[in-house]
Amino acid sequence: MIVIAGRISLDPEKREAAVSAAKEIMTETHKEPGCVSYTFSADLEDPGSFLIFEEWKDDAALKEHFATPHMAAFQKAMGGFGIREMAVQRYEVSSVGPLRP
C-alpha cells in the first residue's frame, strides 16, 4: 500500500475556491479502482491550511491517478490558490492493522 500524507498552506482568501476544487477531485478520485482513500481536511486552527491523506493499493494505481484529467485540472487550479507551502510525503506501507493501545 502507498500512503500520501501532508499539508498544503495557501492564501486564506482563496479557501472557498480550494475547498470547491478539493471536493471535486475527491469525488472523482474515489471512483478510481486503485484508490483506498483520498481526503482533504481543513486545519481547524488555520483557515489557509489543508491536510491531505491518501491510500493507494499500489504504485501503479498512484501513477494512473497522476495521469487522470481530474488531477490535471486540480493541479492547474492550484496555481491560483496562492500556495505558501506544500509538504507532502509518500510512504510505502508493508502492513496495516488496528491500533492497539
Protein backbone atom coordinates (compact mmCIF):
# COMPACT_ATOMS: atom_id res chain seq x y z
CA MET A 1 0.00 0.00 0.00
CA ILE A 2 1.12 3.54 -0.76
CA VAL A 3 0.18 6.37 1.62
CA ILE A 4 0.43 10.05 0.72
CA ALA A 5 0.16 12.49 3.62
CA GLY A 6 0.95 16.13 4.16
CA ARG A 7 -0.09 19.73 4.46
CA ILE A 8 -0.75 22.49 1.96
CA SER A 9 -0.82 26.12 3.11
CA LEU A 10 -2.43 28.68 0.84
CA ASP A 11 -3.84 32.19 0.80
CA PRO A 12 -6.77 32.09 3.28
CA GLU A 13 -8.75 34.36 0.94
CA LYS A 14 -8.66 31.53 -1.64
CA ARG A 15 -10.02 28.97 0.86
CA GLU A 16 -13.50 28.60 -0.65
CA ALA A 17 -12.12 28.06 -4.15
CA ALA A 18 -9.67 25.50 -2.76
CA VAL A 19 -12.48 23.70 -0.88
CA SER A 20 -14.53 23.52 -4.07
CA ALA A 21 -11.60 22.13 -6.08
CA ALA A 22 -10.76 19.63 -3.30
CA LYS A 23 -14.35 18.36 -3.17
CA GLU A 24 -14.36 17.87 -6.93
CA ILE A 25 -11.09 15.94 -7.07
CA MET A 26 -12.09 13.85 -4.04
CA THR A 27 -15.33 12.83 -5.76
CA GLU A 28 -13.57 11.86 -8.98
CA THR A 29 -10.63 10.16 -7.30
CA HIS A 30 -12.86 7.96 -5.13
CA LYS A 31 -14.09 6.42 -8.41
CA GLU A 32 -10.59 5.22 -9.34
CA PRO A 33 -10.17 1.44 -8.89
CA GLY A 34 -6.85 1.68 -7.02
CA CYS A 35 -7.97 4.35 -4.56
CA VAL A 36 -8.49 3.11 -0.99
CA SER A 37 -9.00 6.60 0.49
CA TYR A 38 -8.46 10.19 -0.62
CA THR A 39 -9.20 13.06 1.74
CA PHE A 40 -8.55 16.78 2.06
CA SER A 41 -9.29 18.13 5.54
CA ALA A 42 -9.27 21.74 6.70
CA ASP A 43 -6.97 22.64 9.58
CA LEU A 44 -9.26 23.71 12.46
CA GLU A 45 -6.92 26.50 13.58
CA ASP A 46 -5.54 27.81 10.29
CA PRO A 47 -8.08 28.63 7.54
CA GLY A 48 -5.33 28.58 4.92
CA SER A 49 -4.09 25.06 5.71
CA PHE A 50 -5.36 21.73 4.45
CA LEU A 51 -4.27 18.23 5.38
CA ILE A 52 -4.04 15.51 2.74
CA PHE A 53 -4.35 11.79 3.35
CA GLU A 54 -4.43 9.23 0.54
CA GLU A 55 -4.18 5.43 0.44
CA TRP A 56 -3.49 3.57 -2.82
CA LYS A 57 -3.48 -0.18 -3.48
CA ASP A 58 -0.12 0.05 -5.23
CA ASP A 59 2.29 2.30 -7.08
CA ALA A 60 0.61 1.58 -10.43
CA ALA A 61 -2.70 2.95 -9.09
CA LEU A 62 -1.00 6.13 -7.89
CA LYS A 63 0.72 6.60 -11.25
CA GLU A 64 -2.64 6.19 -13.02
CA HIS A 65 -4.14 8.81 -10.70
CA PHE A 66 -1.48 11.34 -11.69
CA ALA A 67 -2.41 10.79 -15.35
CA THR A 68 -6.16 11.47 -14.94
CA PRO A 69 -7.87 14.55 -16.38
CA HIS A 70 -9.26 15.49 -12.94
CA MET A 71 -5.75 15.52 -11.46
CA ALA A 72 -4.53 17.74 -14.31
CA ALA A 73 -7.45 20.13 -13.72
CA PHE A 74 -6.76 20.21 -9.98
CA GLN A 75 -3.07 20.93 -10.45
CA LYS A 76 -3.95 23.77 -12.82
CA ALA A 77 -6.44 25.20 -10.30
CA MET A 78 -3.86 25.04 -7.50
CA GLY A 79 -1.83 27.67 -9.32
CA GLY A 80 -4.50 30.22 -8.40
CA PHE A 81 -4.69 29.42 -4.67
CA GLY A 82 -1.61 31.34 -3.56
CA ILE A 83 0.28 28.28 -2.35
CA ARG A 84 2.57 29.33 0.51
CA GLU A 85 3.94 25.94 1.48
CA MET A 86 3.47 22.34 0.47
CA ALA A 87 4.93 19.44 2.45
CA VAL A 88 3.62 16.14 1.14
CA GLN A 89 5.30 12.78 1.71
CA ARG A 90 4.96 9.34 0.11
CA TYR A 91 5.09 6.25 2.34
CA GLU A 92 5.31 2.59 1.35
CA VAL A 93 3.42 0.53 3.93
CA SER A 94 4.22 -3.14 4.37
CA SER A 95 1.46 -3.98 6.86
CA VAL A 96 -1.76 -2.44 8.18
CA GLY A 97 -3.77 -3.32 11.25
CA PRO A 98 -5.87 -1.82 14.00
CA LEU A 99 -4.37 0.47 16.62
CA ARG A 100 -3.95 -1.39 19.88
CA PRO A 101 -3.23 0.80 22.93
